[in-house]
C-alpha atoms as a PDB file:
ATOM      1  CA  MET A   1     237.839 -12.465  34.671  1.00  0.00           C
ATOM      2  CA  ILE A   2     235.974 -11.192  31.504  1.00  0.00           C
ATOM      3  CA  LYS A   3     235.621 -13.840  29.338  1.00  0.00           C
ATOM      4  CA  LYS A   4     232.363 -13.239  27.130  1.00  0.00           C
ATOM      5  CA  ALA A   5     231.845 -10.897  24.543  1.00  0.00           C
ATOM      6  CA  ILE A   6     228.499  -9.292  22.566  1.00  0.00           C
ATOM      7  CA  ILE A   7     228.657  -8.339  19.415  1.00  0.00           C
ATOM      8  CA  PRO A   8     225.206  -6.568  18.060  1.00  0.00           C
ATOM      9  CA  VAL A   9     225.251  -6.466  14.370  1.00  0.00           C
ATOM     10  CA  ALA A  10     221.141  -6.019  13.215  1.00  0.00           C
ATOM     11  CA  GLY A  11     221.187  -3.287  11.857  1.00  0.00           C
ATOM     12  CA  LEU A  12     219.508  -2.298   8.504  1.00  0.00           C
ATOM     13  CA  ALA A  13     222.419  -0.565   6.724  1.00  0.00           C
ATOM     14  CA  SER A  14     220.814   2.012   5.172  1.00  0.00           C
ATOM     15  CA  ARG A  15     223.675   4.228   4.301  1.00  0.00           C
ATOM     16  CA  PHE A  16     224.921   1.511   2.020  1.00  0.00           C
ATOM     17  CA  LEU A  17     221.743   0.187  -0.376  1.00  0.00           C
ATOM     18  CA  PRO A  18     221.851  -1.209  -2.297  1.00  0.00           C
ATOM     19  CA  ALA A  19     225.040  -3.050  -1.096  1.00  0.00           C
ATOM     20  CA  SER A  20     223.347  -3.910   2.099  1.00  0.00           C
ATOM     21  CA  LYS A  21     220.519  -5.136   0.277  1.00  0.00           C
ATOM     22  CA  VAL A  22     221.735  -8.763   0.300  1.00  0.00           C
ATOM     23  CA  ILE A  23     224.974  -8.246   2.060  1.00  0.00           C
ATOM     24  CA  PRO A  24     224.822  -7.221   5.753  1.00  0.00           C
ATOM     25  CA  LYS A  25     227.444  -4.416   6.357  1.00  0.00           C
ATOM     26  CA  THR A  26     229.048  -6.517   8.862  1.00  0.00           C
ATOM     27  CA  MET A  27     230.285  -8.572   6.419  1.00  0.00           C
ATOM     28  CA  PHE A  28     231.636  -5.489   4.153  1.00  0.00           C
ATOM     29  CA  PRO A  29     235.555  -6.485   3.242  1.00  0.00           C
ATOM     30  CA  ILE A  30     238.075  -4.840   5.298  1.00  0.00           C
ATOM     31  CA  ILE A  31     240.838  -6.201   2.360  1.00  0.00           C
ATOM     32  CA  ASP A  32     240.169  -9.817   2.739  1.00  0.00           C
ATOM     33  CA  LYS A  33     238.634 -10.174   5.659  1.00  0.00           C
ATOM     34  CA  PRO A  34     234.920  -8.897   6.722  1.00  0.00           C
ATOM     35  CA  ILE A  35     234.213  -6.551   9.372  1.00  0.00           C
ATOM     36  CA  ILE A  36     232.589  -8.982  11.805  1.00  0.00           C
ATOM     37  CA  GLN A  37     235.863 -11.265  11.736  1.00  0.00           C
ATOM     38  CA  PHE A  38     237.904  -8.229  13.345  1.00  0.00           C
ATOM     39  CA  LEU A  39     235.730  -7.465  15.972  1.00  0.00           C
ATOM     40  CA  VAL A  40     235.604 -11.492  16.793  1.00  0.00           C
ATOM     41  CA  GLU A  41     239.460 -11.491  16.368  1.00  0.00           C
ATOM     42  CA  GLU A  42     239.675  -8.309  18.487  1.00  0.00           C
ATOM     43  CA  ALA A  43     237.913  -9.895  21.401  1.00  0.00           C
ATOM     44  CA  VAL A  44     239.828 -13.268  21.330  1.00  0.00           C
ATOM     45  CA  GLU A  45     243.073 -11.855  21.322  1.00  0.00           C
ATOM     46  CA  ALA A  46     242.073 -10.021  24.221  1.00  0.00           C
ATOM     47  CA  GLY A  47     240.991 -13.243  26.483  1.00  0.00           C
ATOM     48  CA  ILE A  48     236.981 -13.524  25.373  1.00  0.00           C
ATOM     49  CA  GLU A  49     236.574 -17.082  25.067  1.00  0.00           C
ATOM     50  CA  GLU A  50     232.635 -17.015  24.149  1.00  0.00           C
ATOM     51  CA  ILE A  51     230.504 -14.671  21.444  1.00  0.00           C
ATOM     52  CA  ALA A  52     226.998 -13.686  21.316  1.00  0.00           C
ATOM     53  CA  ILE A  53     226.530 -12.103  17.776  1.00  0.00           C
ATOM     54  CA  ILE A  54     223.078 -10.300  17.478  1.00  0.00           C
ATOM     55  CA  LEU A  55     221.477 -10.534  14.030  1.00  0.00           C
ATOM     56  CA  SER A  56     218.348  -9.685  12.140  1.00  0.00           C
ATOM     57  CA  PRO A  57     216.635 -12.464  10.755  1.00  0.00           C
ATOM     58  CA  ARG A  58     218.449 -11.971   6.874  1.00  0.00           C
ATOM     59  CA  GLN A  59     221.770 -12.241   8.196  1.00  0.00           C
ATOM     60  CA  ASP A  60     222.502 -16.027   7.890  1.00  0.00           C
ATOM     61  CA  ILE A  61     225.642 -14.933   5.925  1.00  0.00           C
ATOM     62  CA  VAL A  62     227.171 -14.361   9.209  1.00  0.00           C
ATOM     63  CA  LYS A  63     226.231 -17.818  10.915  1.00  0.00           C
ATOM     64  CA  ASN A  64     227.625 -19.598   7.823  1.00  0.00           C
ATOM     65  CA  HIS A  65     231.246 -17.282   7.666  1.00  0.00           C
ATOM     66  CA  PHE A  66     231.917 -18.978  11.188  1.00  0.00           C
ATOM     67  CA  LYS A  67     230.574 -22.429  10.198  1.00  0.00           C
ATOM     68  CA  GLU A  68     233.234 -24.847   8.774  1.00  0.00           C
ATOM     69  CA  ASP A  69     233.252 -25.657   5.557  1.00  0.00           C
ATOM     70  CA  GLU A  70     234.624 -29.167   4.311  1.00  0.00           C
ATOM     71  CA  PHE A  71     234.103 -28.899   0.878  1.00  0.00           C
ATOM     72  CA  LEU A  72     235.596 -26.108   0.345  1.00  0.00           C
ATOM     73  CA  GLU A  73     238.232 -26.786   2.506  1.00  0.00           C
ATOM     74  CA  GLN A  74     239.094 -30.190   1.029  1.00  0.00           C
ATOM     75  CA  GLU A  75     238.839 -28.700  -2.790  1.00  0.00           C
ATOM     76  CA  LEU A  76     241.543 -25.788  -1.453  1.00  0.00           C
ATOM     77  CA  ARG A  77     244.071 -28.446  -0.173  1.00  0.00           C
ATOM     78  CA  SER A  78     243.278 -30.606  -3.248  1.00  0.00           C
ATOM     79  CA  ARG A  79     244.632 -27.853  -5.240  1.00  0.00           C
ATOM     80  CA  GLY A  80     247.341 -27.229  -3.063  1.00  0.00           C
ATOM     81  CA  LYS A  81     245.990 -24.234  -1.593  1.00  0.00           C
ATOM     82  CA  THR A  82     247.295 -25.192   1.860  1.00  0.00           C
ATOM     83  CA  LEU A  83     247.515 -21.911   3.340  1.00  0.00           C
ATOM     84  CA  GLU A  84     244.233 -20.468   2.125  1.00  0.00           C
ATOM     85  CA  ALA A  85     242.668 -23.687   3.786  1.00  0.00           C
ATOM     86  CA  GLU A  86     244.076 -23.014   7.176  1.00  0.00           C
ATOM     87  CA  THR A  87     242.591 -19.482   6.599  1.00  0.00           C
ATOM     88  CA  VAL A  88     239.312 -20.766   6.659  1.00  0.00           C
ATOM     89  CA  HIS A  89     239.895 -23.514   9.092  1.00  0.00           C
ATOM     90  CA  SER A  90     240.926 -21.042  11.842  1.00  0.00           C
ATOM     91  CA  THR A  91     238.023 -18.844  10.910  1.00  0.00           C
ATOM     92  CA  THR A  92     235.566 -21.618  12.119  1.00  0.00           C
ATOM     93  CA  HIS A  93     237.882 -22.047  15.314  1.00  0.00           C
ATOM     94  CA  LEU A  94     237.931 -18.759  16.910  1.00  0.00           C
ATOM     95  CA  ALA A  95     235.967 -19.179  19.879  1.00  0.00           C
ATOM     96  CA  LYS A  96     232.765 -20.728  20.883  1.00  0.00           C
ATOM     97  CA  ILE A  97     229.942 -18.739  19.256  1.00  0.00           C
ATOM     98  CA  HIS A  98     226.281 -17.610  19.835  1.00  0.00           C
ATOM     99  CA  PHE A  99     223.656 -16.345  17.727  1.00  0.00           C
ATOM    100  CA  PHE A 100     220.992 -14.693  19.139  1.00  0.00           C
ATOM    101  CA  THR A 101     218.154 -12.885  16.798  1.00  0.00           C
ATOM    102  CA  GLN A 102     216.697  -9.197  17.186  1.00  0.00           C
ATOM    103  CA  GLU A 103     213.403  -9.397  15.194  1.00  0.00           C
ATOM    104  CA  HIS A 104     212.752  -6.058  14.362  1.00  0.00           C
ATOM    105  CA  PRO A 105     215.099  -3.010  14.710  1.00  0.00           C
ATOM    106  CA  LEU A 106     213.843  -1.473  17.856  1.00  0.00           C
ATOM    107  CA  GLY A 107     217.746  -0.077  18.785  1.00  0.00           C
ATOM    108  CA  ASP A 108     220.807  -1.085  20.281  1.00  0.00           C
ATOM    109  CA  GLY A 109     219.719  -1.269  23.896  1.00  0.00           C
ATOM    110  CA  HIS A 110     216.879  -3.623  22.741  1.00  0.00           C
ATOM    111  CA  ALA A 111     219.562  -5.977  20.552  1.00  0.00           C
ATOM    112  CA  LEU A 112     221.527  -6.572  23.725  1.00  0.00           C
ATOM    113  CA  LEU A 113     218.235  -7.820  25.604  1.00  0.00           C
ATOM    114  CA  GLN A 114     218.426 -10.477  23.374  1.00  0.00           C
ATOM    115  CA  ALA A 115     221.317 -11.953  24.541  1.00  0.00           C
ATOM    116  CA  GLU A 116     220.547 -11.508  28.203  1.00  0.00           C
ATOM    117  CA  SER A 117     220.430 -15.439  29.091  1.00  0.00           C
ATOM    118  CA  PHE A 118     223.983 -15.255  27.677  1.00  0.00           C
ATOM    119  CA  LEU A 119     225.336 -13.368  30.765  1.00  0.00           C
ATOM    120  CA  ASP A 120     225.379 -15.057  34.367  1.00  0.00           C
ATOM    121  CA  GLU A 121     223.937 -12.995  37.147  1.00  0.00           C
ATOM    122  CA  ASN A 122     226.664 -10.054  38.012  1.00  0.00           C
ATOM    123  CA  GLU A 123     228.515 -11.162  35.100  1.00  0.00           C
ATOM    124  CA  ALA A 124     230.359  -8.444  32.878  1.00  0.00           C
ATOM    125  CA  CYS A 125     230.954  -8.613  29.646  1.00  0.00           C
ATOM    126  CA  LEU A 126     232.667  -6.668  26.550  1.00  0.00           C
ATOM    127  CA  VAL A 127     230.011  -5.133  23.967  1.00  0.00           C
ATOM    128  CA  LEU A 128     231.649  -4.043  20.713  1.00  0.00           C
ATOM    129  CA  PHE A 129     229.129  -2.877  17.985  1.00  0.00           C
ATOM    130  CA  GLY A 130     229.801  -3.652  14.524  1.00  0.00           C
ATOM    131  CA  ASP A 131     230.640  -0.426  12.913  1.00  0.00           C
ATOM    132  CA  GLU A 132     234.273   0.335  15.508  1.00  0.00           C
ATOM    133  CA  LEU A 133     237.248  -0.834  14.393  1.00  0.00           C
ATOM    134  CA  ILE A 134     240.615   0.693  16.588  1.00  0.00           C
ATOM    135  CA  GLY A 135     243.939   0.161  14.926  1.00  0.00           C
ATOM    136  CA  THR A 136     246.596   0.527  17.299  1.00  0.00           C
ATOM    137  CA  SER A 137     250.123   0.065  17.649  1.00  0.00           C
ATOM    138  CA  HIS A 138     249.684   0.079  21.108  1.00  0.00           C
ATOM    139  CA  GLU A 139     250.728  -3.219  22.868  1.00  0.00           C
ATOM    140  CA  ARG A 140     247.058  -4.076  23.428  1.00  0.00           C
ATOM    141  CA  ASN A 141     244.106  -3.742  21.633  1.00  0.00           C
ATOM    142  CA  ALA A 142     240.908  -1.636  22.405  1.00  0.00           C
ATOM    143  CA  SER A 143     239.426  -4.624  23.635  1.00  0.00           C
ATOM    144  CA  ALA A 144     242.443  -5.668  25.966  1.00  0.00           C
ATOM    145  CA  GLN A 145     242.510  -2.114  27.103  1.00  0.00           C
ATOM    146  CA  LEU A 146     239.115  -2.078  28.426  1.00  0.00           C
ATOM    147  CA  ILE A 147     239.283  -5.145  30.208  1.00  0.00           C
ATOM    148  CA  LYS A 148     242.518  -4.357  31.621  1.00  0.00           C
ATOM    149  CA  TYR A 149     241.210  -1.401  32.796  1.00  0.00           C
ATOM    150  CA  TYR A 150     237.703  -2.986  34.436  1.00  0.00           C
ATOM    151  CA  ASN A 151     240.401  -5.096  36.517  1.00  0.00           C
ATOM    152  CA  ASP A 152     241.189  -1.925  38.256  1.00  0.00           C
ATOM    153  CA  VAL A 153     237.821  -0.413  38.623  1.00  0.00           C
ATOM    154  CA  GLN A 154     235.574  -3.302  38.779  1.00  0.00           C
ATOM    155  CA  THR A 155     232.727  -0.930  37.358  1.00  0.00           C
ATOM    156  CA  PRO A 156     230.968  -0.821  33.528  1.00  0.00           C
ATOM    157  CA  ILE A 157     233.289   1.284  31.311  1.00  0.00           C
ATOM    158  CA  ILE A 158     232.381   3.590  28.290  1.00  0.00           C
ATOM    159  CA  GLY A 159     235.394   3.362  25.760  1.00  0.00           C
ATOM    160  CA  VAL A 160     235.621   7.224  23.854  1.00  0.00           C
ATOM    161  CA  HIS A 161     237.589   9.351  21.973  1.00  0.00           C
ATOM    162  CA  GLU A 162     238.480  13.108  21.727  1.00  0.00           C
ATOM    163  CA  VAL A 163     236.648  14.791  19.025  1.00  0.00           C
ATOM    164  CA  SER A 164     236.933  18.571  17.893  1.00  0.00           C
ATOM    165  CA  GLU A 165     234.244  21.003  19.529  1.00  0.00           C
ATOM    166  CA  GLU A 166     232.597  21.026  15.674  1.00  0.00           C
ATOM    167  CA  GLU A 167     231.938  17.298  16.058  1.00  0.00           C
ATOM    168  CA  VAL A 168     230.743  16.528  19.231  1.00  0.00           C
ATOM    169  CA  HIS A 169     226.784  17.086  18.057  1.00  0.00           C
ATOM    170  CA  ARG A 170     227.514  13.341  16.339  1.00  0.00           C
ATOM    171  CA  TYR A 171     228.175  11.740  19.299  1.00  0.00           C
ATOM    172  CA  GLY A 172     227.163  10.947  22.835  1.00  0.00           C
ATOM    173  CA  ILE A 173     229.206  12.902  25.221  1.00  0.00           C
ATOM    174  CA  VAL A 174     230.427  12.079  28.671  1.00  0.00           C
ATOM    175  CA  GLY A 175     231.151  14.435  31.390  1.00  0.00           C
ATOM    176  CA  LEU A 176     233.747  13.295  33.887  1.00  0.00           C
ATOM    177  CA  ASN A 177     233.838  14.149  37.836  1.00  0.00           C
ATOM    178  CA  GLU A 178     237.633  13.478  38.330  1.00  0.00           C
ATOM    179  CA  GLU A 179     239.950  11.704  36.059  1.00  0.00           C
ATOM    180  CA  THR A 180     237.715   9.082  34.272  1.00  0.00           C
ATOM    181  CA  GLU A 181     234.642   8.753  36.738  1.00  0.00           C
ATOM    182  CA  ILE A 182     231.439   9.767  34.435  1.00  0.00           C
ATOM    183  CA  ASN A 183     228.824  12.031  36.004  1.00  0.00           C
ATOM    184  CA  SER A 184     226.423  12.797  32.999  1.00  0.00           C
ATOM    185  CA  LEU A 185     226.270  11.402  29.374  1.00  0.00           C
ATOM    186  CA  VAL A 186     224.267  13.710  26.864  1.00  0.00           C
ATOM    187  CA  GLU A 187     223.074  12.103  23.530  1.00  0.00           C
ATOM    188  CA  LYS A 188     224.451  14.612  20.298  1.00  0.00           C
ATOM    189  CA  PRO A 189     224.521  17.518  22.176  1.00  0.00           C
ATOM    190  CA  SER A 190     225.260  21.058  20.670  1.00  0.00           C
ATOM    191  CA  PRO A 191     228.643  22.738  21.394  1.00  0.00           C
ATOM    192  CA  GLY A 192     227.787  24.862  23.598  1.00  0.00           C
ATOM    193  CA  ASP A 193     225.986  22.326  26.170  1.00  0.00           C
ATOM    194  CA  ALA A 194     228.597  19.328  25.879  1.00  0.00           C
ATOM    195  CA  PRO A 195     229.996  18.436  29.175  1.00  0.00           C
ATOM    196  CA  SER A 196     233.398  17.488  27.676  1.00  0.00           C
ATOM    197  CA  ASN A 197     234.975  16.418  24.298  1.00  0.00           C
ATOM    198  CA  LEU A 198     234.914  13.041  24.816  1.00  0.00           C
ATOM    199  CA  ALA A 199     232.980  10.902  22.564  1.00  0.00           C
ATOM    200  CA  ILE A 200     231.070   7.377  23.220  1.00  0.00           C
ATOM    201  CA  ILE A 201     232.360   4.688  20.575  1.00  0.00           C
ATOM    202  CA  GLY A 202     230.674   1.587  20.387  1.00  0.00           C
ATOM    203  CA  LYS A 203     233.036  -0.444  22.653  1.00  0.00           C
ATOM    204  CA  TYR A 204     232.001  -1.135  26.431  1.00  0.00           C
ATOM    205  CA  ILE A 205     232.090  -3.223  29.261  1.00  0.00           C
ATOM    206  CA  ILE A 206     228.663  -3.667  30.679  1.00  0.00           C
ATOM    207  CA  ASN A 207     227.477  -6.146  33.129  1.00  0.00           C
ATOM    208  CA  SER A 208     224.007  -7.847  33.768  1.00  0.00           C
ATOM    209  CA  GLU A 209     222.686  -4.670  35.922  1.00  0.00           C
ATOM    210  CA  VAL A 210     223.204  -2.328  32.930  1.00  0.00           C
ATOM    211  CA  LEU A 211     221.019  -4.887  30.837  1.00  0.00           C
ATOM    212  CA  ARG A 212     218.070  -4.643  33.705  1.00  0.00           C
ATOM    213  CA  CYS A 213     218.453  -0.844  33.435  1.00  0.00           C
ATOM    214  CA  ILE A 214     217.773  -1.110  29.852  1.00  0.00           C
ATOM    215  CA  LYS A 215     214.569  -2.380  30.753  1.00  0.00           C
ATOM    216  CA  GLU A 216     213.390   0.273  33.139  1.00  0.00           C
ATOM    217  CA  SER A 217     214.987   3.060  31.363  1.00  0.00           C
ATOM    218  CA  SER A 218     213.006   5.785  29.746  1.00  0.00           C
ATOM    219  CA  SER A 219     213.567   6.242  25.993  1.00  0.00           C
ATOM    220  CA  GLY A 220     215.738   9.104  25.307  1.00  0.00           C
ATOM    221  CA  THR A 221     214.211   8.841  21.481  1.00  0.00           C
ATOM    222  CA  THR A 222     211.329  10.259  19.724  1.00  0.00           C
ATOM    223  CA  ASP A 223     210.649   6.564  18.342  1.00  0.00           C
ATOM    224  CA  LYS A 224     211.016   4.962  21.690  1.00  0.00           C
ATOM    225  CA  GLU A 225     213.513   2.535  20.917  1.00  0.00           C
ATOM    226  CA  LEU A 226     215.319   1.044  23.712  1.00  0.00           C
ATOM    227  CA  ARG A 227     219.057   2.246  24.202  1.00  0.00           C
ATOM    228  CA  LEU A 228     221.678   1.438  25.740  1.00  0.00           C
ATOM    229  CA  ILE A 229     222.793   5.088  26.548  1.00  0.00           C
ATOM    230  CA  ASP A 230     219.698   5.432  28.615  1.00  0.00           C
ATOM    231  CA  GLY A 231     220.066   1.877  30.498  1.00  0.00           C
ATOM    232  CA  LEU A 232     223.594   3.592  31.223  1.00  0.00           C
ATOM    233  CA  LYS A 233     222.215   6.804  32.560  1.00  0.00           C
ATOM    234  CA  THR A 234     219.765   4.396  34.729  1.00  0.00           C
ATOM    235  CA  TYR A 235     222.934   2.641  36.365  1.00  0.00           C
ATOM    236  CA  LEU A 236     224.622   5.973  36.610  1.00  0.00           C
ATOM    237  CA  GLU A 237     221.741   7.377  39.127  1.00  0.00           C
ATOM    238  CA  SER A 238     223.009   4.865  41.608  1.00  0.00           C
ATOM    239  CA  LYS A 239     226.293   3.195  40.813  1.00  0.00           C
ATOM    240  CA  ASN A 240     229.572   4.301  39.149  1.00  0.00           C
ATOM    241  CA  ILE A 241     230.527   4.096  35.107  1.00  0.00           C
ATOM    242  CA  HIS A 242     234.168   4.696  34.363  1.00  0.00           C
ATOM    243  CA  ALA A 243     235.464   6.294  30.968  1.00  0.00           C
ATOM    244  CA  LEU A 244     238.685   4.946  29.058  1.00  0.00           C
ATOM    245  CA  THR A 245     239.787   6.890  26.645  1.00  0.00           C
ATOM    246  CA  LEU A 246     241.056   3.944  24.110  1.00  0.00           C
ATOM    247  CA  ASP A 247     244.642   4.320  21.968  1.00  0.00           C
ATOM    248  CA  GLY A 248     244.564   3.965  18.453  1.00  0.00           C
ATOM    249  CA  GLN A 249     243.205   5.177  15.089  1.00  0.00           C
ATOM    250  CA  ARG A 250     239.316   4.955  14.937  1.00  0.00           C
ATOM    251  CA  PHE A 251     237.407   3.886  12.093  1.00  0.00           C
ATOM    252  CA  ASP A 252     233.635   4.448  11.847  1.00  0.00           C
ATOM    253  CA  THR A 253     232.523   1.848   9.150  1.00  0.00           C
ATOM    254  CA  GLY A 254     229.351   2.803   9.023  1.00  0.00           C
ATOM    255  CA  ASN A 255     229.708   5.552   6.598  1.00  0.00           C
ATOM    256  CA  LYS A 256     231.164   5.307   3.150  1.00  0.00           C
ATOM    257  CA  LEU A 257     234.323   7.296   3.887  1.00  0.00           C
ATOM    258  CA  GLY A 258     234.939   5.590   7.467  1.00  0.00           C
ATOM    259  CA  LEU A 259     234.800   2.399   5.850  1.00  0.00           C
ATOM    260  CA  ILE A 260     237.006   3.312   2.877  1.00  0.00           C
ATOM    261  CA  LYS A 261     239.690   4.442   5.283  1.00  0.00           C
ATOM    262  CA  ALA A 262     239.863   1.747   7.308  1.00  0.00           C
ATOM    263  CA  ASN A 263     240.714  -0.496   4.059  1.00  0.00           C
ATOM    264  CA  ILE A 264     243.576   2.144   3.123  1.00  0.00           C
ATOM    265  CA  TYR A 265     245.211   2.052   6.794  1.00  0.00           C
ATOM    266  CA  PHE A 266     244.786  -1.614   6.600  1.00  0.00           C
ATOM    267  CA  GLY A 267     245.841  -2.168   3.419  1.00  0.00           C
ATOM    268  CA  LEU A 268     248.917   0.023   4.217  1.00  0.00           C
ATOM    269  CA  LYS A 269     249.901  -2.710   7.036  1.00  0.00           C
ATOM    270  CA  ASP A 270     249.396  -5.603   4.730  1.00  0.00           C
ATOM    271  CA  LYS A 271     252.929  -6.533   3.146  1.00  0.00           C
ATOM    272  CA  ASP A 272     251.458  -8.135   0.108  1.00  0.00           C
ATOM    273  CA  ILE A 273     249.588  -4.650  -0.949  1.00  0.00           C
ATOM    274  CA  THR A 274     251.426  -2.076   0.927  1.00  0.00           C
ATOM    275  CA  ASP A 275     254.132  -0.870  -1.601  1.00  0.00           C
ATOM    276  CA  SER A 276     251.509  -1.124  -4.725  1.00  0.00           C
ATOM    277  CA  LEU A 277     248.666   0.741  -2.708  1.00  0.00           C
ATOM    278  CA  LYS A 278     251.661   3.447  -1.413  1.00  0.00           C
ATOM    279  CA  ASN A 279     252.636   3.977  -5.251  1.00  0.00           C
ATOM    280  CA  PHE A 280     248.734   4.120  -6.125  1.00  0.00           C
ATOM    281  CA  LEU A 281     247.736   6.892  -3.706  1.00  0.00           C
ATOM    282  CA  ARG A 282     250.898   9.109  -4.949  1.00  0.00           C
ATOM    283  CA  THR A 283     249.166   8.892  -8.244  1.00  0.00           C
ATOM    284  CA  VAL A 284     245.662   9.856  -6.720  1.00  0.00           C
ATOM    285  CA  GLU A 285     247.211  12.822  -5.326  1.00  0.00           C
ATOM    286  CA  LYS A 286     248.321  14.151  -8.330  1.00  0.00           C
END
């Protein structure tokens, strides 16, 4: 049973400067909740009990978000804001959270290796990258879908999403042998070279052996960063990996439009603002 998750959020967020100079992108709000909390809650809802969050040295604000704040809670209670105090309190008790630091931005694989000690030998875990949110009406959220499928196949799993032929050059693309068994991983192929239209998104199940493969793999980038996809390619040379098409509406909050779309989507699901938001959107359409 998978009970651990790793969430790497140590990127520079250069697309969002100057806003991200002081506030890490993962702390940008979707309505009234930061992106990182969406990911932690998704993992917890899927049965995860321990979470490793990978930060850069300048992201202590993320740690503070998950720390108890007795002063704030007491102030809220003293003013009769009991619900707000409970909201703050519950944020600090979502799961057992461990923090690891990636001193330099040397790739997503390098970020994952900072938490190598977090996993026991041959242990599998959920990996959620900080840019990907999936809204779903499915009975299981994206993380729960991955974990359920892992229980069936007992291999690493890559979450994928169908994209148009024109979009494949923006993503890592998986090729399949049959049904969901992966036979190739191609980074940002041209449309004519893409083995499918199934794009890799930032949700995975990996194991400790995948982490070892990251260290053993040859970087596929000119800057020689350690990348998760290169570790997965090495792993695939001798063992199986499966793909799972995740149910739900995907939002890439790593770009401006994706962040705006996510706020609109979740805003329309917020009973306190949905009607006003719908009315506003109608005026914008005009």
